Amino acid sequence: MPPKKGTKRKGGNANDDTATPTQPKGNKIHHTAKHTAKDVAAKEAGAVSLDEWVSARKLILNKEKDLIRQWDAMLAERRALPWTKLTTDYVFQNESGNDVKLSELFTNGTPNLVIYHLSK
């Protein structure tokens, strides 16, 4: 909220609309098209030019691609693990609350179940 007319602001005079509390008396802020208050605030917040951002983004993108390749390789190793046959017919409850054996869950033509054993 601007001060009332005729009151003095700290660091500027009452009629100087560009004075700020940290400016010495009589100094005015001169804005150019290149350096607006938004530009200064953006720079202080860590904003950079589009070229700088694109360059940094490309570096991160390369790291992301490497990470995806490593993840895909790990998934391939997991798929290559040997299979084991389940000998226990586990019992579950279906949506109705009835007990259903694991072997009964695959009577509709679904022959395989993949289970990932995470740890003991």
PDB file of N, CA and C in Angstrom:
ATOM      1  N   MET A   1       0.851  -1.169   0.000  1.00  0.00           N
ATOM      2  CA  MET A   1       0.000   0.000   0.000  1.00  0.00           C
ATOM      3  C   MET A   1       0.896   1.231   0.000  1.00  0.00           C
ATOM      4  N   PRO A   2       0.687   2.168  -0.925  1.00  0.00           N
ATOM      5  CA  PRO A   2       1.544   3.355  -0.973  1.00  0.00           C
ATOM      6  C   PRO A   2       1.263   4.269   0.224  1.00  0.00           C
ATOM      7  N   PRO A   3       2.272   5.012   0.645  1.00  0.00           N
ATOM      8  CA  PRO A   3       2.058   5.934   1.758  1.00  0.00           C
ATOM      9  C   PRO A   3       1.148   7.087   1.352  1.00  0.00           C
ATOM     10  N   LYS A   4       0.562   7.736   2.335  1.00  0.00           N
ATOM     11  CA  LYS A   4      -0.304   8.891   2.060  1.00  0.00           C
ATOM     12  C   LYS A   4       0.535  10.017   1.521  1.00  0.00           C
ATOM     13  N   LYS A   5      -0.078  10.882   0.688  1.00  0.00           N
ATOM     14  CA  LYS A   5       0.645  12.030   0.128  1.00  0.00           C
ATOM     15  C   LYS A   5       1.120  12.934   1.254  1.00  0.00           C
ATOM     16  N   GLY A   6       2.327  13.389   1.091  1.00  0.00           N
ATOM     17  CA  GLY A   6       2.880  14.299   2.075  1.00  0.00           C
ATOM     18  C   GLY A   6       3.628  13.591   3.193  1.00  0.00           C
ATOM     19  N   THR A   7       3.512  12.261   3.281  1.00  0.00           N
ATOM     20  CA  THR A   7       4.272  11.547   4.310  1.00  0.00           C
ATOM     21  C   THR A   7       5.596  11.113   3.710  1.00  0.00           C
ATOM     22  N   LYS A   8       6.560  11.056   4.542  1.00  0.00           N
ATOM     23  CA  LYS A   8       7.894  10.723   4.062  1.00  0.00           C
ATOM     24  C   LYS A   8       8.156   9.235   4.227  1.00  0.00           C
ATOM     25  N   ARG A   9       8.679   8.586   3.165  1.00  0.00           N
ATOM     26  CA  ARG A   9       9.083   7.184   3.264  1.00  0.00           C
ATOM     27  C   ARG A   9      10.549   7.126   3.605  1.00  0.00           C
ATOM     28  N   LYS A  10      10.913   6.095   4.322  1.00  0.00           N
ATOM     29  CA  LYS A  10      12.307   5.892   4.697  1.00  0.00           C
ATOM     30  C   LYS A  10      13.160   5.717   3.450  1.00  0.00           C
ATOM     31  N   GLY A  11      14.191   6.514   3.288  1.00  0.00           N
ATOM     32  CA  GLY A  11      15.118   6.370   2.182  1.00  0.00           C
ATOM     33  C   GLY A  11      14.715   7.109   0.928  1.00  0.00           C
ATOM     34  N   GLY A  12      13.610   7.765   0.885  1.00  0.00           N
ATOM     35  CA  GLY A  12      13.185   8.500  -0.296  1.00  0.00           C
ATOM     36  C   GLY A  12      12.338   9.674   0.115  1.00  0.00           C
ATOM     37  N   ASN A  13      11.894  10.456  -0.866  1.00  0.00           N
ATOM     38  CA  ASN A  13      11.042  11.567  -0.478  1.00  0.00           C
ATOM     39  C   ASN A  13       9.581  11.230  -0.767  1.00  0.00           C
ATOM     40  N   ALA A  14       8.674  11.986  -0.229  1.00  0.00           N
ATOM     41  CA  ALA A  14       7.247  11.665  -0.287  1.00  0.00           C
ATOM     42  C   ALA A  14       6.702  11.642  -1.701  1.00  0.00           C
ATOM     43  N   ASN A  15       7.264  12.417  -2.601  1.00  0.00           N
ATOM     44  CA  ASN A  15       6.730  12.498  -3.963  1.00  0.00           C
ATOM     45  C   ASN A  15       7.477  11.597  -4.950  1.00  0.00           C
ATOM     46  N   ASP A  16       8.434  10.849  -4.492  1.00  0.00           N
ATOM     47  CA  ASP A  16       9.237   9.994  -5.357  1.00  0.00           C
ATOM     48  C   ASP A  16       8.648   8.588  -5.343  1.00  0.00           C
ATOM     49  N   ASP A  17       7.860   8.234  -6.369  1.00  0.00           N
ATOM     50  CA  ASP A  17       7.188   6.939  -6.420  1.00  0.00           C
ATOM     51  C   ASP A  17       8.152   5.769  -6.623  1.00  0.00           C
ATOM     52  N   THR A  18       9.361   6.039  -7.049  1.00  0.00           N
ATOM     53  CA  THR A  18      10.298   4.950  -7.319  1.00  0.00           C
ATOM     54  C   THR A  18      11.245   4.689  -6.159  1.00  0.00           C
ATOM     55  N   ALA A  19      11.186   5.513  -5.107  1.00  0.00           N
ATOM     56  CA  ALA A  19      12.086   5.309  -3.975  1.00  0.00           C
ATOM     57  C   ALA A  19      11.673   4.069  -3.204  1.00  0.00           C
ATOM     58  N   THR A  20      12.637   3.363  -2.677  1.00  0.00           N
ATOM     59  CA  THR A  20      12.369   2.172  -1.873  1.00  0.00           C
ATOM     60  C   THR A  20      12.970   2.383  -0.502  1.00  0.00           C
ATOM     61  N   PRO A  21      12.580   1.599   0.488  1.00  0.00           N
ATOM     62  CA  PRO A  21      13.102   1.786   1.836  1.00  0.00           C
ATOM     63  C   PRO A  21      14.618   1.680   1.946  1.00  0.00           C
ATOM     64  N   THR A  22      15.274   1.032   1.026  1.00  0.00           N
ATOM     65  CA  THR A  22      16.723   0.855   1.133  1.00  0.00           C
ATOM     66  C   THR A  22      17.505   1.867   0.304  1.00  0.00           C
ATOM     67  N   GLN A  23      16.817   2.713  -0.452  1.00  0.00           N
ATOM     68  CA  GLN A  23      17.522   3.679  -1.291  1.00  0.00           C
ATOM     69  C   GLN A  23      17.855   4.951  -0.526  1.00  0.00           C
ATOM     70  N   PRO A  24      18.993   5.542  -0.811  1.00  0.00           N
ATOM     71  CA  PRO A  24      19.269   6.847  -0.228  1.00  0.00           C
ATOM     72  C   PRO A  24      18.323   7.887  -0.806  1.00  0.00           C
ATOM     73  N   LYS A  25      18.168   9.007  -0.101  1.00  0.00           N
ATOM     74  CA  LYS A  25      17.260  10.063  -0.565  1.00  0.00           C
ATOM     75  C   LYS A  25      17.651  10.555  -1.944  1.00  0.00           C
ATOM     76  N   GLY A  26      16.634  10.789  -2.768  1.00  0.00           N
ATOM     77  CA  GLY A  26      16.861  11.388  -4.071  1.00  0.00           C
ATOM     78  C   GLY A  26      17.208  10.402  -5.170  1.00  0.00           C
ATOM     79  N   ASN A  27      17.568   9.187  -4.858  1.00  0.00           N
ATOM     80  CA  ASN A  27      17.884   8.207  -5.904  1.00  0.00           C
ATOM     81  C   ASN A  27      16.604   7.632  -6.473  1.00  0.00           C
ATOM     82  N   LYS A  28      16.589   7.425  -7.760  1.00  0.00           N
ATOM     83  CA  LYS A  28      15.447   6.810  -8.419  1.00  0.00           C
ATOM     84  C   LYS A  28      15.886   5.517  -9.073  1.00  0.00           C
ATOM     85  N   ILE A  29      14.952   4.591  -9.215  1.00  0.00           N
ATOM     86  CA  ILE A  29      15.228   3.340  -9.912  1.00  0.00           C
ATOM     87  C   ILE A  29      14.941   3.566 -11.387  1.00  0.00           C
ATOM     88  N   HIS A  30      15.861   3.200 -12.236  1.00  0.00           N
ATOM     89  CA  HIS A  30      15.661   3.323 -13.668  1.00  0.00           C
ATOM     90  C   HIS A  30      15.517   1.931 -14.252  1.00  0.00           C
ATOM     91  N   HIS A  31      14.337   1.634 -14.769  1.00  0.00           N
ATOM     92  CA  HIS A  31      14.087   0.326 -15.368  1.00  0.00           C
ATOM     93  C   HIS A  31      14.333   0.409 -16.862  1.00  0.00           C
ATOM     94  N   THR A  32      14.949  -0.627 -17.383  1.00  0.00           N
ATOM     95  CA  THR A  32      15.103  -0.734 -18.826  1.00  0.00           C
ATOM     96  C   THR A  32      14.329  -1.956 -19.267  1.00  0.00           C
ATOM     97  N   ALA A  33      14.168  -2.110 -20.556  1.00  0.00           N
ATOM     98  CA  ALA A  33      13.451  -3.273 -21.083  1.00  0.00           C
ATOM     99  C   ALA A  33      14.181  -4.561 -20.714  1.00  0.00           C
ATOM    100  N   LYS A  34      15.502  -4.496 -20.561  1.00  0.00           N
ATOM    101  CA  LYS A  34      16.283  -5.692 -20.242  1.00  0.00           C
ATOM    102  C   LYS A  34      16.190  -6.084 -18.775  1.00  0.00           C
ATOM    103  N   HIS A  35      16.101  -5.115 -17.883  1.00  0.00           N
ATOM    104  CA  HIS A  35      16.175  -5.402 -16.456  1.00  0.00           C
ATOM    105  C   HIS A  35      14.930  -4.906 -15.733  1.00  0.00           C
ATOM    106  N   THR A  36      13.881  -5.691 -15.781  1.00  0.00           N
ATOM    107  CA  THR A  36      12.676  -5.341 -15.046  1.00  0.00           C
ATOM    108  C   THR A  36      12.744  -5.967 -13.659  1.00  0.00           C
ATOM    109  N   ALA A  37      11.835  -5.575 -12.810  1.00  0.00           N
ATOM    110  CA  ALA A  37      11.793  -6.133 -11.456  1.00  0.00           C
ATOM    111  C   ALA A  37      11.585  -7.642 -11.515  1.00  0.00           C
ATOM    112  N   LYS A  38      10.779  -8.106 -12.493  1.00  0.00           N
ATOM    113  CA  LYS A  38      10.553  -9.546 -12.644  1.00  0.00           C
ATOM    114  C   LYS A  38      11.839 -10.260 -13.022  1.00  0.00           C
ATOM    115  N   ASP A  39      12.636  -9.648 -13.892  1.00  0.00           N
ATOM    116  CA  ASP A  39      13.911 -10.247 -14.286  1.00  0.00           C
ATOM    117  C   ASP A  39      14.845 -10.371 -13.089  1.00  0.00           C
ATOM    118  N   VAL A  40      14.900  -9.332 -12.291  1.00  0.00           N
ATOM    119  CA  VAL A  40      15.772  -9.340 -11.118  1.00  0.00           C
ATOM    120  C   VAL A  40      15.302 -10.414 -10.140  1.00  0.00           C
ATOM    121  N   ALA A  41      14.002 -10.477  -9.900  1.00  0.00           N
ATOM    122  CA  ALA A  41      13.452 -11.476  -8.979  1.00  0.00           C
ATOM    123  C   ALA A  41      13.709 -12.884  -9.502  1.00  0.00           C
ATOM    124  N   ALA A  42      13.543 -13.084 -10.813  1.00  0.00           N
ATOM    125  CA  ALA A  42      13.766 -14.402 -11.404  1.00  0.00           C
ATOM    126  C   ALA A  42      15.231 -14.809 -11.273  1.00  0.00           C
ATOM    127  N   LYS A  43      16.136 -13.874 -11.498  1.00  0.00           N
ATOM    128  CA  LYS A  43      17.564 -14.173 -11.392  1.00  0.00           C
ATOM    129  C   LYS A  43      17.923 -14.520  -9.951  1.00  0.00           C
ATOM    130  N   GLU A  44      17.346 -13.775  -9.002  1.00  0.00           N
ATOM    131  CA  GLU A  44      17.613 -14.060  -7.590  1.00  0.00           C
ATOM    132  C   GLU A  44      17.066 -15.426  -7.190  1.00  0.00           C
ATOM    133  N   ALA A  45      15.985 -15.861  -7.850  1.00  0.00           N
ATOM    134  CA  ALA A  45      15.391 -17.164  -7.535  1.00  0.00           C
ATOM    135  C   ALA A  45      16.115 -18.303  -8.242  1.00  0.00           C
ATOM    136  N   GLY A  46      17.152 -18.005  -9.002  1.00  0.00           N
ATOM    137  CA  GLY A  46      17.923 -19.040  -9.673  1.00  0.00           C
ATOM    138  C   GLY A  46      17.499 -19.268 -11.116  1.00  0.00           C
ATOM    139  N   ALA A  47      16.715 -18.372 -11.678  1.00  0.00           N
ATOM    140  CA  ALA A  47      16.281 -18.520 -13.059  1.00  0.00           C
ATOM    141  C   ALA A  47      17.448 -18.228 -13.996  1.00  0.00           C
ATOM    142  N   VAL A  48      17.453 -18.916 -15.129  1.00  0.00           N
ATOM    143  CA  VAL A  48      18.519 -18.744 -16.114  1.00  0.00           C
ATOM    144  C   VAL A  48      17.900 -18.515 -17.482  1.00  0.00           C
ATOM    145  N   SER A  49      18.739 -18.260 -18.445  1.00  0.00           N
ATOM    146  CA  SER A  49      18.250 -18.060 -19.810  1.00  0.00           C
ATOM    147  C   SER A  49      17.758 -19.395 -20.377  1.00  0.00           C
ATOM    148  N   LEU A  50      16.994 -19.311 -21.446  1.00  0.00           N
ATOM    149  CA  LEU A  50      16.477 -20.518 -22.086  1.00  0.00           C
ATOM    150  C   LEU A  50      17.616 -21.407 -22.578  1.00  0.00           C
ATOM    151  N   ASP A  51      18.657 -20.813 -23.146  1.00  0.00           N
ATOM    152  CA  ASP A  51      19.799 -21.599 -23.636  1.00  0.00           C
ATOM    153  C   ASP A  51      20.482 -22.363 -22.501  1.00  0.00           C
ATOM    154  N   GLU A  52      20.654 -21.685 -21.357  1.00  0.00           N
ATOM    155  CA  GLU A  52      21.268 -22.358 -20.207  1.00  0.00           C
ATOM    156  C   GLU A  52      20.383 -23.496 -19.715  1.00  0.00           C
ATOM    157  N   TRP A  53      19.072 -23.260 -19.688  1.00  0.00           N
ATOM    158  CA  TRP A  53      18.146 -24.283 -19.222  1.00  0.00           C
ATOM    159  C   TRP A  53      18.153 -25.489 -20.155  1.00  0.00           C
ATOM    160  N   VAL A  54      18.119 -25.244 -21.474  1.00  0.00           N
ATOM    161  CA  VAL A  54      18.117 -26.338 -22.451  1.00  0.00           C
ATOM    162  C   VAL A  54      19.394 -27.161 -22.307  1.00  0.00           C
ATOM    163  N   SER A  55      20.518 -26.502 -22.122  1.00  0.00           N
ATOM    164  CA  SER A  55      21.782 -27.216 -21.954  1.00  0.00           C
ATOM    165  C   SER A  55      21.750 -28.095 -20.709  1.00  0.00           C
ATOM    166  N   ALA A  56      21.292 -27.554 -19.593  1.00  0.00           N
ATOM    167  CA  ALA A  56      21.199 -28.331 -18.352  1.00  0.00           C
ATOM    168  C   ALA A  56      20.187 -29.459 -18.498  1.00  0.00           C
ATOM    169  N   ARG A  57      19.074 -29.193 -19.168  1.00  0.00           N
ATOM    170  CA  ARG A  57      18.038 -30.218 -19.352  1.00  0.00           C
ATOM    171  C   ARG A  57      18.553 -31.375 -20.193  1.00  0.00           C
ATOM    172  N   LYS A  58      19.359 -31.090 -21.217  1.00  0.00           N
ATOM    173  CA  LYS A  58      19.921 -32.151 -22.051  1.00  0.00           C
ATOM    174  C   LYS A  58      20.844 -33.065 -21.249  1.00  0.00           C
ATOM    175  N   LEU A  59      21.609 -32.487 -20.325  1.00  0.00           N
ATOM    176  CA  LEU A  59      22.481 -33.307 -19.470  1.00  0.00           C
ATOM    177  C   LEU A  59      21.647 -34.242 -18.600  1.00  0.00           C
ATOM    178  N   ILE A  60      20.588 -33.700 -18.015  1.00  0.00           N
ATOM    179  CA  ILE A  60      19.723 -34.524 -17.178  1.00  0.00           C
ATOM    180  C   ILE A  60      19.018 -35.582 -18.017  1.00  0.00           C
ATOM    181  N   LEU A  61      18.587 -35.227 -19.210  1.00  0.00           N
ATOM    182  CA  LEU A  61      17.914 -36.172 -20.097  1.00  0.00           C
ATOM    183  C   LEU A  61      18.824 -37.356 -20.422  1.00  0.00           C
ATOM    184  N   ASN A  62      20.095 -37.088 -20.666  1.00  0.00           N
ATOM    185  CA  ASN A  62      21.046 -38.175 -20.928  1.00  0.00           C
ATOM    186  C   ASN A  62      21.177 -39.093 -19.718  1.00  0.00           C
ATOM    187  N   LYS A  63      21.202 -38.507 -18.510  1.00  0.00           N
ATOM    188  CA  LYS A  63      21.259 -39.321 -17.293  1.00  0.00           C
ATOM    189  C   LYS A  63      19.990 -40.158 -17.150  1.00  0.00           C
ATOM    190  N   GLU A  64      18.839 -39.554 -17.468  1.00  0.00           N
ATOM    191  CA  GLU A  64      17.571 -40.288 -17.386  1.00  0.00           C
ATOM    192  C   GLU A  64      17.557 -41.468 -18.354  1.00  0.00           C
ATOM    193  N   LYS A  65      18.055 -41.255 -19.563  1.00  0.00           N
ATOM    194  CA  LYS A  65      18.103 -42.333 -20.549  1.00  0.00           C
ATOM    195  C   LYS A  65      19.024 -43.460 -20.081  1.00  0.00           C
ATOM    196  N   ASP A  66      20.177 -43.098 -19.508  1.00  0.00           N
ATOM    197  CA  ASP A  66      21.094 -44.117 -18.979  1.00  0.00           C
ATOM    198  C   ASP A  66      20.419 -44.911 -17.866  1.00  0.00           C
ATOM    199  N   LEU A  67      19.709 -44.214 -16.998  1.00  0.00           N
ATOM    200  CA  LEU A  67      19.019 -44.884 -15.898  1.00  0.00           C
ATOM    201  C   LEU A  67      17.949 -45.842 -16.424  1.00  0.00           C
ATOM    202  N   ILE A  68      17.209 -45.430 -17.438  1.00  0.00           N
ATOM    203  CA  ILE A  68      16.177 -46.298 -18.036  1.00  0.00           C
ATOM    204  C   ILE A  68      16.818 -47.533 -18.658  1.00  0.00           C
ATOM    205  N   ARG A  69      17.960 -47.360 -19.327  1.00  0.00           N
ATOM    206  CA  ARG A  69      18.661 -48.509 -19.903  1.00  0.00           C
ATOM    207  C   ARG A  69      19.100 -49.486 -18.808  1.00  0.00           C
ATOM    208  N   GLN A  70      19.616 -48.945 -17.701  1.00  0.00           N
ATOM    209  CA  GLN A  70      20.022 -49.805 -16.588  1.00  0.00           C
ATOM    210  C   GLN A  70      18.819 -50.527 -15.993  1.00  0.00           C
ATOM    211  N   TRP A  71      17.712 -49.821 -15.846  1.00  0.00           N
ATOM    212  CA  TRP A  71      16.491 -50.427 -15.308  1.00  0.00           C
ATOM    213  C   TRP A  71      16.007 -51.547 -16.227  1.00  0.00           C
ATOM    214  N   ASP A  72      15.988 -51.289 -17.532  1.00  0.00           N
ATOM    215  CA  ASP A  72      15.565 -52.312 -18.492  1.00  0.00           C
ATOM    216  C   ASP A  72      16.473 -53.544 -18.435  1.00  0.00           C
ATOM    217  N   ALA A  73      17.772 -53.326 -18.286  1.00  0.00           N
ATOM    218  CA  ALA A  73      18.720 -54.445 -18.190  1.00  0.00           C
ATOM    219  C   ALA A  73      18.455 -55.257 -16.923  1.00  0.00           C
ATOM    220  N   MET A  74      18.174 -54.585 -15.811  1.00  0.00           N
ATOM    221  CA  MET A  74      17.868 -55.287 -14.574  1.00  0.00           C
ATOM    222  C   MET A  74      16.581 -56.090 -14.718  1.00  0.00           C
ATOM    223  N   LEU A  75      15.564 -55.536 -15.369  1.00  0.00           N
ATOM    224  CA  LEU A  75      14.315 -56.272 -15.589  1.00  0.00           C
ATOM    225  C   LEU A  75      14.545 -57.505 -16.456  1.00  0.00           C
ATOM    226  N   ALA A  76      15.417 -57.384 -17.443  1.00  0.00           N
ATOM    227  CA  ALA A  76      15.733 -58.540 -18.284  1.00  0.00           C
ATOM    228  C   ALA A  76      16.414 -59.634 -17.449  1.00  0.00           C
ATOM    229  N   GLU A  77      17.306 -59.232 -16.541  1.00  0.00           N
ATOM    230  CA  GLU A  77      17.948 -60.201 -15.657  1.00  0.00           C
ATOM    231  C   GLU A  77      16.909 -60.873 -14.759  1.00  0.00           C
ATOM    232  N   ARG A  78      15.959 -60.118 -14.265  1.00  0.00           N
ATOM    233  CA  ARG A  78      14.913 -60.692 -13.415  1.00  0.00           C
ATOM    234  C   ARG A  78      14.075 -61.700 -14.196  1.00  0.00           C
ATOM    235  N   ARG A  79      13.727 -61.347 -15.445  1.00  0.00           N
ATOM    236  CA  ARG A  79      12.937 -62.277 -16.265  1.00  0.00           C
ATOM    237  C   ARG A  79      13.713 -63.544 -16.590  1.00  0.00           C
ATOM    238  N   ALA A  80      15.040 -63.444 -16.607  1.00  0.00           N
ATOM    239  CA  ALA A  80      15.876 -64.596 -16.933  1.00  0.00           C
ATOM    240  C   ALA A  80      16.117 -65.521 -15.732  1.00  0.00           C
ATOM    241  N   LEU A  81      15.645 -65.118 -14.551  1.00  0.00           N
ATOM    242  CA  LEU A  81      15.821 -65.991 -13.385  1.00  0.00           C
ATOM    243  C   LEU A  81      15.126 -67.328 -13.629  1.00  0.00           C
ATOM    244  N   PRO A  82      15.666 -68.401 -13.058  1.00  0.00           N
ATOM    245  CA  PRO A  82      15.032 -69.709 -13.252  1.00  0.00           C
ATOM    246  C   PRO A  82      13.663 -69.760 -12.570  1.00  0.00           C
ATOM    247  N   TRP A  83      12.792 -70.586 -13.135  1.00  0.00           N
ATOM    248  CA  TRP A  83      11.445 -70.743 -12.597  1.00  0.00           C
ATOM    249  C   TRP A  83      11.440 -71.856 -11.572  1.00  0.00           C
ATOM    250  N   THR A  84      10.485 -71.794 -10.670  1.00  0.00           N
ATOM    251  CA  THR A  84      10.286 -72.889  -9.725  1.00  0.00           C
ATOM    252  C   THR A  84       8.813 -73.269  -9.734  1.00  0.00           C
ATOM    253  N   LYS A  85       8.574 -74.513  -9.429  1.00  0.00           N
ATOM    254  CA  LYS A  85       7.203 -74.994  -9.396  1.00  0.00           C
ATOM    255  C   LYS A  85       6.660 -74.866  -7.976  1.00  0.00           C
ATOM    256  N   LEU A  86       5.444 -74.348  -7.855  1.00  0.00           N
ATOM    257  CA  LEU A  86       4.808 -74.266  -6.541  1.00  0.00           C
ATOM    258  C   LEU A  86       4.220 -75.620  -6.190  1.00  0.00           C
ATOM    259  N   THR A  87       4.540 -76.087  -5.018  1.00  0.00           N
ATOM    260  CA  THR A  87       4.019 -77.385  -4.582  1.00  0.00           C
ATOM    261  C   THR A  87       2.904 -77.225  -3.553  1.00  0.00           C
ATOM    262  N   THR A  88       2.779 -76.061  -2.982  1.00  0.00           N
ATOM    263  CA  THR A  88       1.730 -75.798  -1.999  1.00  0.00           C
ATOM    264  C   THR A  88       0.551 -75.144  -2.697  1.00  0.00           C
ATOM    265  N   ASP A  89      -0.644 -75.622  -2.429  1.00  0.00           N
ATOM    266  CA  ASP A  89      -1.843 -75.017  -3.024  1.00  0.00           C
ATOM    267  C   ASP A  89      -2.398 -73.997  -2.028  1.00  0.00           C
ATOM    268  N   TYR A  90      -1.920 -72.754  -2.120  1.00  0.00           N
ATOM    269  CA  TYR A  90      -2.304 -71.698  -1.201  1.00  0.00           C
ATOM    270  C   TYR A  90      -3.790 -71.392  -1.315  1.00  0.00           C
ATOM    271  N   VAL A  91      -4.374 -70.894  -0.222  1.00  0.00           N
ATOM    272  CA  VAL A  91      -5.795 -70.573  -0.195  1.00  0.00           C
ATOM    273  C   VAL A  91      -5.959 -69.063  -0.011  1.00  0.00           C
ATOM    274  N   PHE A  92      -6.829 -68.487  -0.835  1.00  0.00           N
ATOM    275  CA  PHE A  92      -7.124 -67.054  -0.796  1.00  0.00           C
ATOM    276  C   PHE A  92      -8.620 -66.868  -0.615  1.00  0.00           C
ATOM    277  N   GLN A  93      -9.036 -65.641  -0.388  1.00  0.00           N
ATOM    278  CA  GLN A  93     -10.463 -65.336  -0.352  1.00  0.00           C
ATOM    279  C   GLN A  93     -10.786 -64.493  -1.570  1.00  0.00           C
ATOM    280  N   ASN A  94     -11.883 -64.865  -2.256  1.00  0.00           N
ATOM    281  CA  ASN A  94     -12.303 -64.095  -3.419  1.00  0.00           C
ATOM    282  C   ASN A  94     -13.137 -62.889  -2.982  1.00  0.00           C
ATOM    283  N   GLU A  95     -13.710 -62.176  -3.963  1.00  0.00           N
ATOM    284  CA  GLU A  95     -14.480 -60.963  -3.676  1.00  0.00           C
ATOM    285  C   GLU A  95     -15.678 -61.248  -2.769  1.00  0.00           C
ATOM    286  N   SER A  96     -16.222 -62.450  -2.837  1.00  0.00           N
ATOM    287  CA  SER A  96     -17.397 -62.827  -2.030  1.00  0.00           C
ATOM    288  C   SER A  96     -17.009 -63.303  -0.639  1.00  0.00           C
ATOM    289  N   GLY A  97     -15.724 -63.449  -0.377  1.00  0.00           N
ATOM    290  CA  GLY A  97     -15.267 -63.922   0.919  1.00  0.00           C
ATOM    291  C   GLY A  97     -15.113 -65.423   0.999  1.00  0.00           C
ATOM    292  N   ASN A  98     -15.327 -66.120  -0.121  1.00  0.00           N
ATOM    293  CA  ASN A  98     -15.188 -67.584  -0.148  1.00  0.00           C
ATOM    294  C   ASN A  98     -13.726 -67.970  -0.339  1.00  0.00           C
ATOM    295  N   ASP A  99     -13.330 -69.104   0.249  1.00  0.00           N
ATOM    296  CA  ASP A  99     -11.975 -69.606   0.080  1.00  0.00           C
ATOM    297  C   ASP A  99     -11.806 -70.177  -1.327  1.00  0.00           C
ATOM    298  N   VAL A 100     -10.684 -69.822  -1.953  1.00  0.00           N
ATOM    299  CA  VAL A 100     -10.366 -70.309  -3.295  1.00  0.00           C
ATOM    300  C   VAL A 100      -8.900 -70.736  -3.288  1.00  0.00           C
ATOM    301  N   LYS A 101      -8.656 -71.936  -3.803  1.00  0.00           N
ATOM    302  CA  LYS A 101      -7.284 -72.427  -3.892  1.00  0.00           C
ATOM    303  C   LYS A 101      -6.572 -71.718  -5.039  1.00  0.00           C
ATOM    304  N   LEU A 102      -5.276 -71.607  -4.902  1.00  0.00           N
ATOM    305  CA  LEU A 102      -4.468 -70.977  -5.947  1.00  0.00           C
ATOM    306  C   LEU A 102      -4.662 -71.690  -7.281  1.00  0.00           C
ATOM    307  N   SER A 103      -4.706 -72.996  -7.267  1.00  0.00           N
ATOM    308  CA  SER A 103      -4.871 -73.755  -8.516  1.00  0.00           C
ATOM    309  C   SER A 103      -6.225 -73.470  -9.163  1.00  0.00           C
ATOM    310  N   GLU A 104      -7.231 -73.103  -8.379  1.00  0.00           N
ATOM    311  CA  GLU A 104      -8.555 -72.808  -8.922  1.00  0.00           C
ATOM    312  C   GLU A 104      -8.628 -71.427  -9.571  1.00  0.00           C
ATOM    313  N   LEU A 105      -7.699 -70.559  -9.215  1.00  0.00           N
ATOM    314  CA  LEU A 105      -7.698 -69.212  -9.796  1.00  0.00           C
ATOM    315  C   LEU A 105      -7.339 -69.238 -11.277  1.00  0.00           C
ATOM    316  N   PHE A 106      -6.736 -70.334 -11.745  1.00  0.00           N
ATOM    317  CA  PHE A 106      -6.245 -70.391 -13.120  1.00  0.00           C
ATOM    318  C   PHE A 106      -6.973 -71.439 -13.939  1.00  0.00           C
ATOM    319  N   THR A 107      -8.250 -71.630 -13.670  1.00  0.00           N
ATOM    320  CA  THR A 107      -9.022 -72.614 -14.433  1.00  0.00           C
ATOM    321  C   THR A 107      -9.672 -72.000 -15.660  1.00  0.00           C
ATOM    322  N   ASN A 108      -9.586 -70.685 -15.819  1.00  0.00           N
ATOM    323  CA  ASN A 108     -10.215 -70.008 -16.957  1.00  0.00           C
ATOM    324  C   ASN A 108      -9.264 -69.852 -18.131  1.00  0.00           C
ATOM    325  N   GLY A 109      -8.308 -70.738 -18.286  1.00  0.00           N
ATOM    326  CA  GLY A 109      -7.399 -70.670 -19.431  1.00  0.00           C
ATOM    327  C   GLY A 109      -6.134 -69.881 -19.178  1.00  0.00           C
ATOM    328  N   THR A 110      -5.949 -69.362 -17.976  1.00  0.00           N
ATOM    329  CA  THR A 110      -4.721 -68.650 -17.661  1.00  0.00           C
ATOM    330  C   THR A 110      -3.755 -69.642 -17.038  1.00  0.00           C
ATOM    331  N   PRO A 111      -2.714 -70.051 -17.779  1.00  0.00           N
ATOM    332  CA  PRO A 111      -1.864 -71.139 -17.306  1.00  0.00           C
ATOM    333  C   PRO A 111      -0.746 -70.729 -16.349  1.00  0.00           C
ATOM    334  N   ASN A 112      -0.339 -69.453 -16.356  1.00  0.00           N
ATOM    335  CA  ASN A 112       0.848 -69.069 -15.593  1.00  0.00           C
ATOM    336  C   ASN A 112       0.566 -67.982 -14.585  1.00  0.00           C
ATOM    337  N   LEU A 113       1.328 -68.003 -13.529  1.00  0.00           N
ATOM    338  CA  LEU A 113       1.312 -66.959 -12.531  1.00  0.00           C
ATOM    339  C   LEU A 113       2.762 -66.588 -12.260  1.00  0.00           C
ATOM    340  N   VAL A 114       3.048 -65.319 -12.309  1.00  0.00           N
ATOM    341  CA  VAL A 114       4.411 -64.853 -12.019  1.00  0.00           C
ATOM    342  C   VAL A 114       4.377 -64.225 -10.646  1.00  0.00           C
ATOM    343  N   ILE A 115       5.235 -64.693  -9.778  1.00  0.00           N
ATOM    344  CA  ILE A 115       5.340 -64.168  -8.423  1.00  0.00           C
ATOM    345  C   ILE A 115       6.785 -63.731  -8.221  1.00  0.00           C
ATOM    346  N   TYR A 116       6.957 -62.512  -7.757  1.00  0.00           N
ATOM    347  CA  TYR A 116       8.287 -62.035  -7.422  1.00  0.00           C
ATOM    348  C   TYR A 116       8.503 -62.231  -5.930  1.00  0.00           C
ATOM    349  N   HIS A 117       9.496 -63.008  -5.577  1.00  0.00           N
ATOM    350  CA  HIS A 117       9.841 -63.248  -4.189  1.00  0.00           C
ATOM    351  C   HIS A 117      10.826 -62.145  -3.794  1.00  0.00           C
ATOM    352  N   LEU A 118      10.397 -61.251  -2.908  1.00  0.00           N
ATOM    353  CA  LEU A 118      11.225 -60.114  -2.570  1.00  0.00           C
ATOM    354  C   LEU A 118      12.281 -60.432  -1.523  1.00  0.00           C
ATOM    355  N   SER A 119      11.901 -61.014  -0.411  1.00  0.00           N
ATOM    356  CA  SER A 119      12.882 -61.379   0.615  1.00  0.00           C
ATOM    357  C   SER A 119      12.213 -62.277   1.645  1.00  0.00           C
ATOM    358  N   LYS A 120      13.038 -62.824   2.509  1.00  0.00           N
ATOM    359  CA  LYS A 120      12.507 -63.682   3.589  1.00  0.00           C
ATOM    360  C   LYS A 120      12.434 -62.909   4.860  1.00  0.00           C
TER     361      LYS A 120
END
